[in-house]
Amino acid sequence: MMKKLSEKNNLVKPPKVGEIIEGKVIGKERQALFLNLGNIGTGIIYGKEFQEAKEELKNLKIGDGIFAKIVDLENELGYIELSVSQASNELIWEGLKQKKEKGEIIAVKISGANRGGLLTEISGVSAFLPVSQLLPEHYPRVEGGDSSKILRELQKFVGKILEVKVFDLSLREKKLILSEKVKEIEKIKEILKKYKVGQVVKGEITGITDFGVFLKFGSENLEGLIHISELDWAIVADPSEIVKVGEKLRAKIIDISDDKVSLSLKTLKKDPWRDIEKKYKKGDVISGKVTKFNPFGAFIQVTPKIQGLCHISEFGNQTRMAERLKIDKKYDFQILSINPEEHRMTLKLVEK
């Protein structure tokens, strides 16, 4: 009996500022509302807190229940001061958190767009749907990655209803990130179990961007990315020079990570580095065209498919390198090393 009584007493915990509690309306005044909070006493919603929730409170009747947040344990009137607006906000975020944990699908109406994605709201909370979390068929495939064109594509979704899930949220940062793609992830993961790295698939190019191209393949219409570096053995500046939207071709799976598939075209082409040592060897002097500068040095085109690197250390710094080499001009270089396995050739400028 004493144990049961002790357990019962332990149920009555002292109230804390910031705690959300439920109370019943026991009194109404023009600018105040009184709540019965049970064993912990009487609460009041008045002043600024009353004005902020006026519309929500005006239809309440004696005996109605409502959730509120404790903002002061004892105000100047001797009551526990409460806030409905703060409680509502936290309850909304708690509801969003539960939706995320349950993986609930939510229908949202798109209200706006920016270059990063789509804007909407859930229960009055502003939310963002990033481009990276759109379904493949909704992803803006803009050649060259022109941000103004991407924005125009995204603006086409304004006013439309999309089904999403909560991807990430933070009440403290007032951040609510949504995903249209995440609802398909588990399904895609299961389908991808049928595929293996090294497998060759047939598909159709569905989109071209500045970083690569998308290929739809398989009876399930899966979509994989062929990164710009996997399009050809030569350095590719513009993917649209290699493939066209609607083109049908074969590609090799080089990586499967969760729901993402990475593909390669160049691995199905003859490797120009194979047997290169039969043609070139360390110490040879060759002619090459400067194609690009980067922080490590200058890229030199030895053949249409093979590039070597003349390291920055050969010049001291980028300014001196730019003084001695010009883009698109040919120079003589000495081969310092060749590594066919790593597709690497290092060169040294031959002074005349």
Protein backbone atom coordinates (compact mmCIF):
# COMPACT_ATOMS: atom_id res chain seq x y z
CA MET A 1 0.00 0.00 0.00
CA MET A 2 2.81 2.43 0.94
CA LYS A 3 4.59 1.53 -2.32
CA LYS A 4 1.45 2.27 -4.35
CA LEU A 5 0.91 5.55 -2.49
CA SER A 6 4.55 6.52 -3.10
CA GLU A 7 4.22 5.72 -6.82
CA LYS A 8 1.03 7.78 -6.97
CA ASN A 9 2.72 10.77 -5.29
CA ASN A 10 5.63 10.51 -7.68
CA LEU A 11 3.20 11.07 -10.53
CA VAL A 12 2.64 14.63 -9.31
CA LYS A 13 5.85 16.32 -10.41
CA PRO A 14 6.58 19.97 -9.66
CA PRO A 15 5.95 22.17 -12.70
CA LYS A 16 8.87 23.66 -14.66
CA VAL A 17 9.21 26.71 -16.84
CA GLY A 18 9.12 25.57 -20.49
CA GLU A 19 6.93 22.55 -19.76
CA ILE A 20 3.81 22.01 -21.86
CA ILE A 21 0.75 21.06 -19.82
CA GLU A 22 -2.99 20.62 -20.37
CA GLY A 23 -5.54 22.65 -18.47
CA LYS A 24 -9.33 23.19 -18.44
CA VAL A 25 -10.95 26.59 -18.84
CA ILE A 26 -12.49 27.75 -15.55
CA GLY A 27 -12.85 31.45 -16.23
CA LYS A 28 -12.84 34.03 -19.04
CA GLU A 29 -12.33 37.76 -18.93
CA ARG A 30 -11.96 40.33 -21.69
CA GLN A 31 -8.16 40.12 -21.71
CA ALA A 32 -7.48 36.92 -19.75
CA LEU A 33 -8.24 33.23 -19.59
CA PHE A 34 -7.97 31.08 -16.44
CA LEU A 35 -7.14 27.38 -16.48
CA ASN A 36 -7.45 24.66 -13.89
CA LEU A 37 -4.07 22.85 -13.92
CA GLY A 38 -5.11 20.20 -11.40
CA ASN A 39 -2.78 19.56 -8.47
CA ILE A 40 -0.27 22.23 -9.51
CA GLY A 41 -2.71 25.15 -9.26
CA THR A 42 -4.34 27.74 -11.50
CA GLY A 43 -2.91 29.14 -14.67
CA ILE A 44 -3.51 32.39 -16.52
CA ILE A 45 -3.10 33.49 -20.12
CA TYR A 46 -3.12 37.28 -20.35
CA GLY A 47 -1.32 40.34 -21.70
CA LYS A 48 0.85 39.77 -24.76
CA GLU A 49 0.31 36.00 -24.64
CA PHE A 50 -3.47 36.50 -24.71
CA GLN A 51 -3.30 38.94 -27.63
CA GLU A 52 -1.09 36.59 -29.70
CA ALA A 53 -3.59 33.72 -29.30
CA LYS A 54 -6.79 35.78 -29.26
CA GLU A 55 -8.34 34.12 -32.30
CA GLU A 56 -7.53 30.66 -30.97
CA LEU A 57 -8.95 31.43 -27.51
CA LYS A 58 -12.14 33.35 -28.37
CA ASN A 59 -14.25 30.23 -29.09
CA LEU A 60 -13.21 28.32 -25.95
CA LYS A 61 -15.94 27.58 -23.41
CA ILE A 62 -15.84 26.75 -19.69
CA GLY A 63 -14.66 23.14 -19.33
CA ASP A 64 -12.79 23.04 -22.64
CA GLY A 65 -9.26 21.63 -22.53
CA ILE A 66 -6.21 23.33 -24.05
CA PHE A 67 -2.44 22.86 -24.08
CA ALA A 68 -0.23 25.69 -22.87
CA LYS A 69 3.42 26.31 -22.05
CA ILE A 70 4.58 27.49 -18.62
CA VAL A 71 6.43 30.82 -18.91
CA ASP A 72 6.40 31.80 -15.20
CA LEU A 73 5.75 29.64 -12.13
CA GLU A 74 4.24 32.56 -10.16
CA ASN A 75 3.56 35.96 -11.67
CA GLU A 76 2.66 39.17 -9.87
CA LEU A 77 -0.97 37.99 -9.60
CA GLY A 78 0.06 34.72 -7.98
CA TYR A 79 -0.91 32.54 -10.95
CA ILE A 80 1.15 30.21 -13.14
CA GLU A 81 1.61 32.27 -16.31
CA LEU A 82 1.01 30.40 -19.55
CA SER A 83 1.47 30.79 -23.30
CA VAL A 84 -0.72 29.09 -25.87
CA SER A 85 1.15 30.37 -28.94
CA GLN A 86 4.48 28.97 -27.71
CA ALA A 87 2.87 25.65 -26.83
CA SER A 88 1.15 25.44 -30.22
CA ASN A 89 4.45 26.07 -31.98
CA GLU A 90 6.24 23.33 -30.02
CA LEU A 91 3.35 20.91 -30.48
CA ILE A 92 3.46 21.50 -34.24
CA TRP A 93 7.19 20.77 -34.30
CA GLU A 94 6.66 17.70 -32.13
CA GLY A 95 4.03 16.55 -34.62
CA LEU A 96 6.49 17.09 -37.48
CA LYS A 97 9.11 15.10 -35.59
CA GLN A 98 6.66 12.21 -35.24
CA LYS A 99 5.85 12.38 -38.95
CA LYS A 100 9.56 12.07 -39.69
CA GLU A 101 9.99 9.10 -37.34
CA LYS A 102 6.97 7.33 -38.85
CA GLY A 103 8.04 8.13 -42.41
CA GLU A 104 4.63 9.64 -43.05
CA ILE A 105 3.88 10.89 -46.58
CA ILE A 106 2.60 14.48 -46.62
CA ALA A 107 0.91 16.27 -49.53
CA VAL A 108 2.14 19.88 -49.83
CA LYS A 109 1.31 22.72 -52.18
CA ILE A 110 4.36 24.46 -53.66
CA SER A 111 4.19 28.20 -52.99
CA GLY A 112 7.49 29.40 -54.47
CA ALA A 113 10.91 28.51 -55.85
CA ASN A 114 14.51 29.66 -55.74
CA ARG A 115 17.66 28.38 -57.40
CA GLY A 116 18.15 25.84 -54.61
CA GLY A 117 14.72 24.25 -54.58
CA LEU A 118 11.00 24.65 -53.81
CA LEU A 119 9.18 26.49 -51.01
CA THR A 120 6.08 25.33 -49.16
CA GLU A 121 4.70 25.03 -45.62
CA ILE A 122 3.29 22.41 -43.26
CA SER A 123 0.95 23.44 -40.42
CA GLY A 124 2.07 27.04 -40.84
CA VAL A 125 5.78 26.15 -40.67
CA SER A 126 7.87 27.25 -43.66
CA ALA A 127 9.54 24.30 -45.36
CA PHE A 128 12.13 23.80 -48.10
CA LEU A 129 12.40 21.04 -50.69
CA PRO A 130 15.97 21.09 -52.11
CA VAL A 131 16.63 20.28 -55.76
CA SER A 132 18.74 17.31 -54.61
CA GLN A 133 15.65 15.80 -52.92
CA LEU A 134 13.36 15.92 -55.95
CA LEU A 135 12.33 12.75 -57.73
CA PRO A 136 14.46 12.05 -60.84
CA GLU A 137 11.56 12.93 -63.15
CA HIS A 138 11.22 16.34 -61.45
CA TYR A 139 14.95 17.13 -61.38
CA PRO A 140 15.73 20.19 -63.60
CA ARG A 141 18.09 18.80 -66.29
CA VAL A 142 19.55 22.02 -67.63
CA GLU A 143 22.52 21.80 -69.97
CA GLY A 144 25.44 23.83 -68.75
CA GLY A 145 23.90 24.18 -65.28
CA ASP A 146 22.53 27.68 -66.05
CA SER A 147 21.03 28.83 -62.71
CA SER A 148 18.42 31.11 -64.34
CA LYS A 149 17.17 28.20 -66.49
CA ILE A 150 17.08 25.93 -63.42
CA LEU A 151 14.94 28.55 -61.63
CA ARG A 152 12.52 28.73 -64.56
CA GLU A 153 12.14 24.94 -64.51
CA LEU A 154 11.50 24.95 -60.75
CA GLN A 155 8.92 27.74 -61.01
CA LYS A 156 6.76 25.38 -63.09
CA PHE A 157 5.98 23.51 -59.84
CA VAL A 158 4.43 26.56 -58.10
CA GLY A 159 0.79 25.77 -57.27
CA LYS A 160 1.27 22.01 -57.74
CA ILE A 161 0.78 19.35 -55.05
CA LEU A 162 3.76 17.10 -54.32
CA GLU A 163 4.02 14.15 -51.94
CA VAL A 164 6.96 14.46 -49.57
CA LYS A 165 8.41 13.21 -46.32
CA VAL A 166 10.18 15.16 -43.57
CA PHE A 167 13.89 14.79 -44.28
CA ASP A 168 15.40 16.96 -41.52
CA LEU A 169 14.09 19.41 -38.93
CA SER A 170 15.30 21.65 -36.11
CA LEU A 171 13.00 23.72 -33.87
CA ARG A 172 15.98 25.73 -32.59
CA GLU A 173 17.08 26.67 -36.11
CA LYS A 174 13.47 26.86 -37.39
CA LYS A 175 14.56 24.51 -40.17
CA LEU A 176 12.22 22.09 -41.93
CA ILE A 177 13.69 20.22 -44.90
CA LEU A 178 11.52 17.96 -47.05
CA SER A 179 12.27 15.21 -49.53
CA GLU A 180 10.24 13.95 -52.41
CA LYS A 181 12.86 11.34 -53.19
CA VAL A 182 13.18 9.76 -49.74
CA LYS A 183 9.79 8.05 -50.04
CA GLU A 184 11.21 6.04 -52.95
CA ILE A 185 14.60 5.25 -51.39
CA GLU A 186 13.71 1.93 -49.73
CA LYS A 187 11.95 0.75 -52.87
CA ILE A 188 14.97 1.67 -55.03
CA LYS A 189 17.39 -0.01 -52.58
CA GLU A 190 15.41 -3.24 -52.86
CA ILE A 191 15.39 -3.12 -56.68
CA LEU A 192 19.15 -2.41 -56.76
CA LYS A 193 19.83 -5.74 -55.05
CA LYS A 194 19.31 -7.26 -58.51
CA TYR A 195 22.25 -5.30 -59.90
CA LYS A 196 26.00 -5.67 -59.28
CA VAL A 197 29.06 -3.48 -59.73
CA GLY A 198 30.65 -4.39 -63.06
CA GLN A 199 27.34 -5.20 -64.71
CA VAL A 200 26.66 -3.60 -68.12
CA VAL A 201 23.19 -2.08 -68.57
CA LYS A 202 21.34 -0.63 -71.55
CA GLY A 203 19.56 2.66 -71.18
CA GLU A 204 18.56 6.05 -72.51
CA ILE A 205 20.06 9.48 -71.73
CA THR A 206 17.36 11.47 -69.92
CA GLY A 207 19.26 14.58 -68.90
CA ILE A 208 22.51 16.47 -69.30
CA THR A 209 24.08 18.77 -66.70
CA ASP A 210 27.45 20.45 -66.29
CA PHE A 211 28.61 17.65 -63.96
CA GLY A 212 27.49 14.67 -66.00
CA VAL A 213 24.51 12.91 -67.58
CA PHE A 214 21.59 10.81 -66.34
CA LEU A 215 20.83 7.40 -67.81
CA LYS A 216 17.51 5.61 -67.28
CA PHE A 217 17.93 1.83 -67.42
CA GLY A 218 16.25 -1.47 -66.63
CA SER A 219 12.60 -2.47 -66.72
CA GLU A 220 12.12 -0.55 -63.46
CA ASN A 221 13.29 2.71 -65.08
CA LEU A 222 16.07 3.22 -62.55
CA GLU A 223 18.25 6.24 -63.08
CA GLY A 224 22.00 6.46 -62.68
CA LEU A 225 24.56 9.20 -63.06
CA ILE A 226 27.46 9.11 -65.48
CA HIS A 227 29.84 11.68 -64.01
CA ILE A 228 31.62 13.92 -66.49
CA SER A 229 34.89 12.18 -65.62
CA GLU A 230 33.37 8.81 -66.67
CA LEU A 231 32.15 9.89 -70.10
CA ASP A 232 35.43 9.49 -71.96
CA TRP A 233 39.15 8.89 -71.46
CA ALA A 234 39.79 12.40 -72.77
CA ILE A 235 39.02 15.36 -70.48
CA VAL A 236 35.43 16.42 -71.23
CA ALA A 237 34.50 20.11 -71.00
CA ASP A 238 30.90 19.81 -72.20
CA PRO A 239 28.96 16.52 -71.71
CA SER A 240 26.61 17.43 -74.57
CA GLU A 241 29.54 16.97 -76.97
CA ILE A 242 29.69 13.29 -75.98
CA VAL A 243 26.00 12.27 -75.70
CA LYS A 244 22.54 13.62 -76.55
CA VAL A 245 19.23 13.40 -74.67
CA GLY A 246 17.26 10.41 -75.97
CA GLU A 247 20.39 8.57 -77.11
CA LYS A 248 20.37 4.86 -76.28
CA LEU A 249 23.62 3.29 -75.16
CA ARG A 250 25.35 0.82 -72.85
CA ALA A 251 27.05 1.77 -69.59
CA LYS A 252 28.87 -0.09 -66.85
CA ILE A 253 27.87 0.05 -63.18
CA ILE A 254 30.92 1.22 -61.21
CA ASP A 255 29.28 1.89 -57.83
CA ILE A 256 26.04 1.24 -55.95
CA SER A 257 25.67 3.26 -52.77
CA ASP A 258 22.30 3.13 -50.98
CA ASP A 259 19.86 4.34 -53.67
CA LYS A 260 22.48 5.88 -55.95
CA VAL A 261 24.00 4.21 -59.01
CA SER A 262 27.20 5.48 -60.64
CA LEU A 263 27.79 4.49 -64.24
CA SER A 264 30.65 4.73 -66.71
CA LEU A 265 30.90 4.98 -70.48
CA LYS A 266 34.67 5.20 -70.71
CA THR A 267 35.28 1.80 -69.11
CA LEU A 268 33.53 0.25 -72.14
CA LYS A 269 35.87 2.11 -74.48
CA LYS A 270 39.43 1.08 -75.28
CA ASP A 271 41.81 2.37 -72.62
CA PRO A 272 44.30 4.61 -74.43
CA TRP A 273 46.78 4.10 -71.59
CA ARG A 274 47.01 0.38 -72.31
CA ASP A 275 50.43 -0.45 -73.81
CA ILE A 276 51.39 3.24 -73.71
CA GLU A 277 54.89 2.28 -72.54
CA LYS A 278 55.46 0.72 -75.98
CA LYS A 279 55.11 4.19 -77.49
CA TYR A 280 56.48 6.45 -74.76
CA LYS A 281 59.13 5.95 -72.09
CA LYS A 282 60.73 7.95 -69.30
CA GLY A 283 63.17 10.52 -70.67
CA ASP A 284 61.47 10.92 -74.06
CA VAL A 285 60.96 14.45 -75.34
CA ILE A 286 57.48 14.92 -76.80
CA SER A 287 55.32 17.75 -78.10
CA GLY A 288 52.15 18.61 -76.21
CA LYS A 289 49.44 21.28 -76.13
CA VAL A 290 48.59 23.17 -72.90
CA THR A 291 44.85 22.65 -72.22
CA LYS A 292 44.24 23.86 -68.67
CA PHE A 293 45.85 25.29 -65.52
CA ASN A 294 44.99 24.16 -62.01
CA PRO A 295 46.64 24.63 -58.57
CA PHE A 296 48.83 21.55 -59.19
CA GLY A 297 50.20 22.64 -62.54
CA ALA A 298 49.38 22.56 -66.24
CA PHE A 299 47.52 19.81 -68.14
CA ILE A 300 49.25 18.89 -71.37
CA GLN A 301 47.49 17.06 -74.20
CA VAL A 302 49.90 14.41 -75.49
CA THR A 303 47.33 12.62 -77.69
CA PRO A 304 43.56 13.30 -78.13
CA LYS A 305 42.87 10.86 -75.26
CA ILE A 306 45.96 11.26 -73.04
CA GLN A 307 46.85 14.18 -70.82
CA GLY A 308 50.01 14.64 -68.80
CA LEU A 309 50.73 17.02 -65.93
CA CYS A 310 53.57 19.52 -65.79
CA HIS A 311 53.75 20.10 -62.03
CA ILE A 312 53.65 23.59 -60.51
CA SER A 313 56.96 22.87 -58.78
CA GLU A 314 58.65 23.08 -62.20
CA PHE A 315 57.83 26.81 -62.23
CA GLY A 316 57.73 27.86 -58.59
CA ASN A 317 54.26 29.43 -58.64
CA GLN A 318 51.22 29.94 -60.88
CA THR A 319 52.27 33.40 -62.02
CA ARG A 320 55.56 32.10 -63.43
CA MET A 321 53.77 29.11 -64.96
CA ALA A 322 51.33 31.43 -66.75
CA GLU A 323 54.25 33.53 -68.00
CA ARG A 324 56.03 30.53 -69.55
CA LEU A 325 53.03 28.56 -70.82
CA LYS A 326 49.98 29.72 -72.79
CA ILE A 327 46.70 27.83 -73.14
CA ASP A 328 46.26 26.07 -76.54
CA LYS A 329 49.95 26.50 -77.46
CA LYS A 330 52.34 23.60 -78.11
CA TYR A 331 55.67 23.09 -76.31
CA ASP A 332 58.28 20.38 -75.95
CA PHE A 333 58.21 18.38 -72.72
CA GLN A 334 60.36 15.63 -71.25
CA ILE A 335 58.58 12.63 -69.72
CA LEU A 336 59.58 12.31 -66.05
CA SER A 337 57.35 9.31 -65.26
CA ILE A 338 54.56 7.15 -66.71
CA ASN A 339 52.04 5.15 -64.64
CA PRO A 340 49.53 3.38 -66.96
CA GLU A 341 47.60 1.83 -64.03
CA GLU A 342 46.90 5.25 -62.51
CA HIS A 343 46.61 6.95 -65.92
CA ARG A 344 49.30 9.40 -64.95
CA MET A 345 52.15 11.02 -66.85
CA THR A 346 54.36 13.74 -65.37
CA LEU A 347 56.22 16.13 -67.64
CA LYS A 348 58.92 18.80 -67.54
CA LEU A 349 59.10 21.78 -69.87
CA VAL A 350 62.09 21.63 -72.17
CA GLU A 351 63.75 25.05 -72.30
CA LYS A 352 64.92 26.23 -75.70
